[in-house]
Amino acid sequence: MTNLPYRPCVGIMLIKNGRVWIGDRIAQGKVTPDPRPESWQMPQGGIDRGEAPNVAALRELEEEVGTPKAEIIGEAPNWLNYDLPKAVVGKALRGRYRGQTQKWFAMRYLGEDHEISLTSHHQQEFSKWRWAELDEVVELIVPFKQPVYEKVAEAFRDIVEAERTRG
């Protein structure tokens, strides 16, 4: 099934004071069984037909995190791909994709924590959320997505550090 295409989507690194937003993905949305009790990741989602990636990123942020209060402050230079584990290819992602190709954006959070609402969209993606250190985010992601998260962390490390010291 490696002839299946990659699903185009966006990923969002939402940053506040040098920390990164992560959510614990609801079990129904897990792509593979994960023995860990929590399944942390950054927001991500598909790009609609004809939609620009930056527009998709802002839409996905509002759908998954429940707030539009952010601005794009960085964009990863390349699209990053990951393949699904073989056991779920043909099942996950509606069986139509081998994995995802993602365009990642760094965003500065402009709101307050109480303005984040995981239940504001009809399909809730996360059960809880928190701010985390950048390296912790890479450690917490499911193993098959870890190489992408490492590249995203490398692409945005300077931005995260600049946000930490931003007055």
Protein backbone atom coordinates (compact mmCIF):
# COMPACT_ATOMS: atom_id res chain seq x y z
CA MET A 1 0.00 0.00 0.00
CA THR A 2 3.00 2.26 -0.32
CA ASN A 3 1.48 3.50 -3.57
CA LEU A 4 -1.10 5.42 -1.53
CA PRO A 5 -0.53 9.19 -1.45
CA TYR A 6 0.31 11.36 1.54
CA ARG A 7 -2.53 13.42 3.00
CA PRO A 8 -1.69 17.14 2.80
CA CYS A 9 -2.03 18.80 6.16
CA VAL A 10 -0.67 21.46 8.46
CA GLY A 11 0.94 21.34 11.86
CA ILE A 12 0.93 24.11 14.42
CA MET A 13 3.50 24.90 17.10
CA LEU A 14 1.61 27.32 19.34
CA ILE A 15 4.05 29.20 21.56
CA LYS A 16 3.56 31.24 24.71
CA ASN A 17 6.50 32.55 26.73
CA GLY A 18 8.87 30.02 25.18
CA ARG A 19 6.67 27.03 25.91
CA VAL A 20 4.73 24.92 23.42
CA TRP A 21 1.04 23.94 23.52
CA ILE A 22 0.37 20.20 23.52
CA GLY A 23 -2.89 18.32 23.81
CA ASP A 24 -3.67 14.79 24.93
CA ARG A 25 -5.34 13.23 21.91
CA ILE A 26 -8.68 11.54 22.59
CA ALA A 27 -8.43 7.74 22.22
CA GLN A 28 -10.81 7.53 19.25
CA GLY A 29 -8.40 9.68 17.29
CA LYS A 30 -5.31 7.59 18.00
CA VAL A 31 -3.83 6.11 14.87
CA THR A 32 -2.14 3.19 16.61
CA PRO A 33 -2.50 1.56 19.99
CA ASP A 34 -0.17 3.33 22.36
CA PRO A 35 0.60 1.73 25.72
CA ARG A 36 1.18 5.13 27.30
CA PRO A 37 -1.81 6.48 29.21
CA GLU A 38 -1.50 9.83 27.44
CA SER A 39 -0.97 10.66 23.78
CA TRP A 40 0.39 14.20 23.54
CA GLN A 41 0.81 16.10 20.28
CA MET A 42 0.65 19.55 18.75
CA PRO A 43 -2.42 20.55 16.73
CA GLN A 44 -2.55 19.37 13.14
CA GLY A 45 -5.15 18.83 10.46
CA GLY A 46 -5.99 18.49 6.81
CA ILE A 47 -5.87 21.16 4.17
CA ASP A 48 -9.18 21.60 2.35
CA ARG A 49 -9.22 21.63 -1.45
CA GLY A 50 -8.11 25.06 -2.67
CA GLU A 51 -7.15 26.23 0.84
CA ALA A 52 -3.76 27.87 1.42
CA PRO A 53 -1.67 26.13 4.10
CA ASN A 54 -1.46 29.24 6.32
CA VAL A 55 -5.25 29.62 6.18
CA ALA A 56 -5.66 25.92 7.03
CA ALA A 57 -3.32 26.33 10.00
CA LEU A 58 -5.36 29.17 11.47
CA ARG A 59 -8.61 27.24 10.87
CA GLU A 60 -7.23 24.07 12.46
CA LEU A 61 -6.00 26.04 15.46
CA GLU A 62 -9.49 27.39 16.05
CA GLU A 63 -11.09 23.96 15.54
CA GLU A 64 -8.71 21.98 17.76
CA VAL A 65 -7.64 24.53 20.37
CA GLY A 66 -10.80 26.60 20.33
CA THR A 67 -9.27 30.00 19.78
CA PRO A 68 -8.28 32.20 16.84
CA LYS A 69 -6.02 34.28 19.08
CA ALA A 70 -2.67 33.63 17.45
CA GLU A 71 -0.43 35.00 14.75
CA ILE A 72 1.93 33.15 12.46
CA ILE A 73 5.54 34.00 13.30
CA GLY A 74 7.35 31.25 11.40
CA GLU A 75 7.00 28.62 8.71
CA ALA A 76 9.08 25.48 8.33
CA PRO A 77 11.07 25.66 5.09
CA ASN A 78 10.02 22.23 3.81
CA TRP A 79 7.05 19.91 3.82
CA LEU A 80 7.67 17.03 6.23
CA ASN A 81 6.33 13.51 5.68
CA TYR A 82 5.63 10.62 7.98
CA ASP A 83 4.45 7.12 7.13
CA LEU A 84 1.85 5.34 9.19
CA PRO A 85 2.91 2.08 10.83
CA LYS A 86 2.32 -0.80 8.38
CA ALA A 87 -0.33 -2.35 10.62
CA VAL A 88 -2.67 0.61 10.10
CA VAL A 89 -2.00 1.61 6.49
CA GLY A 90 -5.29 1.18 4.65
CA LYS A 91 -7.25 1.61 7.90
CA ALA A 92 -6.20 4.90 9.50
CA LEU A 93 -6.82 8.21 7.73
CA ARG A 94 -9.93 6.67 6.16
CA GLY A 95 -7.72 4.11 4.43
CA ARG A 96 -6.85 6.55 1.66
CA TYR A 97 -3.35 7.62 2.68
CA ARG A 98 0.01 6.07 3.58
CA GLY A 99 0.76 8.96 5.95
CA GLN A 100 0.82 12.71 5.94
CA THR A 101 2.84 15.47 4.33
CA GLN A 102 2.78 18.46 6.64
CA LYS A 103 3.53 22.16 6.38
CA TRP A 104 4.38 23.42 9.87
CA PHE A 105 3.77 26.90 11.26
CA ALA A 106 5.01 28.54 14.47
CA MET A 107 2.37 30.75 16.06
CA ARG A 108 2.48 33.19 18.94
CA TYR A 109 -0.47 32.78 21.28
CA LEU A 110 -2.14 36.17 21.82
CA GLY A 111 -4.83 35.17 24.29
CA GLU A 112 -5.13 34.02 27.88
CA ASP A 113 -5.16 30.39 28.94
CA HIS A 114 -8.84 30.54 29.96
CA GLU A 115 -9.72 31.43 26.34
CA ILE A 116 -8.65 28.00 25.12
CA SER A 117 -11.64 25.69 24.68
CA LEU A 118 -11.20 22.07 23.63
CA THR A 119 -14.97 21.61 23.33
CA SER A 120 -15.78 24.54 21.05
CA HIS A 121 -15.74 22.44 17.87
CA HIS A 122 -18.16 19.64 17.00
CA GLN A 123 -15.40 17.01 16.95
CA GLN A 124 -13.23 17.34 20.03
CA GLU A 125 -9.62 16.28 19.34
CA PHE A 126 -8.03 16.60 22.78
CA SER A 127 -9.11 15.67 26.30
CA LYS A 128 -6.70 18.07 28.06
CA TRP A 129 -3.82 20.38 27.27
CA ARG A 130 -0.77 22.06 28.78
CA TRP A 131 2.30 24.13 27.98
CA ALA A 132 5.52 22.11 27.64
CA GLU A 133 9.20 22.64 26.98
CA LEU A 134 10.21 22.13 23.35
CA ASP A 135 12.38 19.06 23.96
CA GLU A 136 9.63 17.46 26.05
CA VAL A 137 7.23 17.80 23.11
CA VAL A 138 9.60 15.76 20.92
CA GLU A 139 9.93 13.05 23.60
CA LEU A 140 6.16 12.71 24.11
CA ILE A 141 5.05 12.18 20.50
CA VAL A 142 4.27 8.68 19.23
CA PRO A 143 7.45 7.08 17.82
CA PHE A 144 6.43 7.07 14.15
CA LYS A 145 5.98 10.87 14.22
CA GLN A 146 9.15 11.57 16.20
CA PRO A 147 11.44 12.29 13.19
CA VAL A 148 9.01 14.98 11.99
CA TYR A 149 8.79 16.51 15.47
CA GLU A 150 12.60 16.57 15.68
CA LYS A 151 12.76 18.53 12.40
CA VAL A 152 10.00 20.89 13.53
CA ALA A 153 11.81 21.52 16.82
CA GLU A 154 15.02 22.25 14.90
CA ALA A 155 13.22 24.61 12.50
CA PHE A 156 11.54 26.58 15.30
CA ARG A 157 14.04 26.36 18.20
CA ASP A 158 15.29 29.94 17.68
CA ILE A 159 11.71 31.24 17.54
CA VAL A 160 10.80 29.41 20.76
CA GLU A 161 13.87 30.84 22.51
CA ALA A 162 13.13 34.35 21.22
CA GLU A 163 9.58 34.03 22.56
CA ARG A 164 10.95 32.99 25.96
CA THR A 165 12.85 36.26 26.28
CA ARG A 166 10.28 38.46 24.54
CA GLY A 167 9.16 41.20 26.87
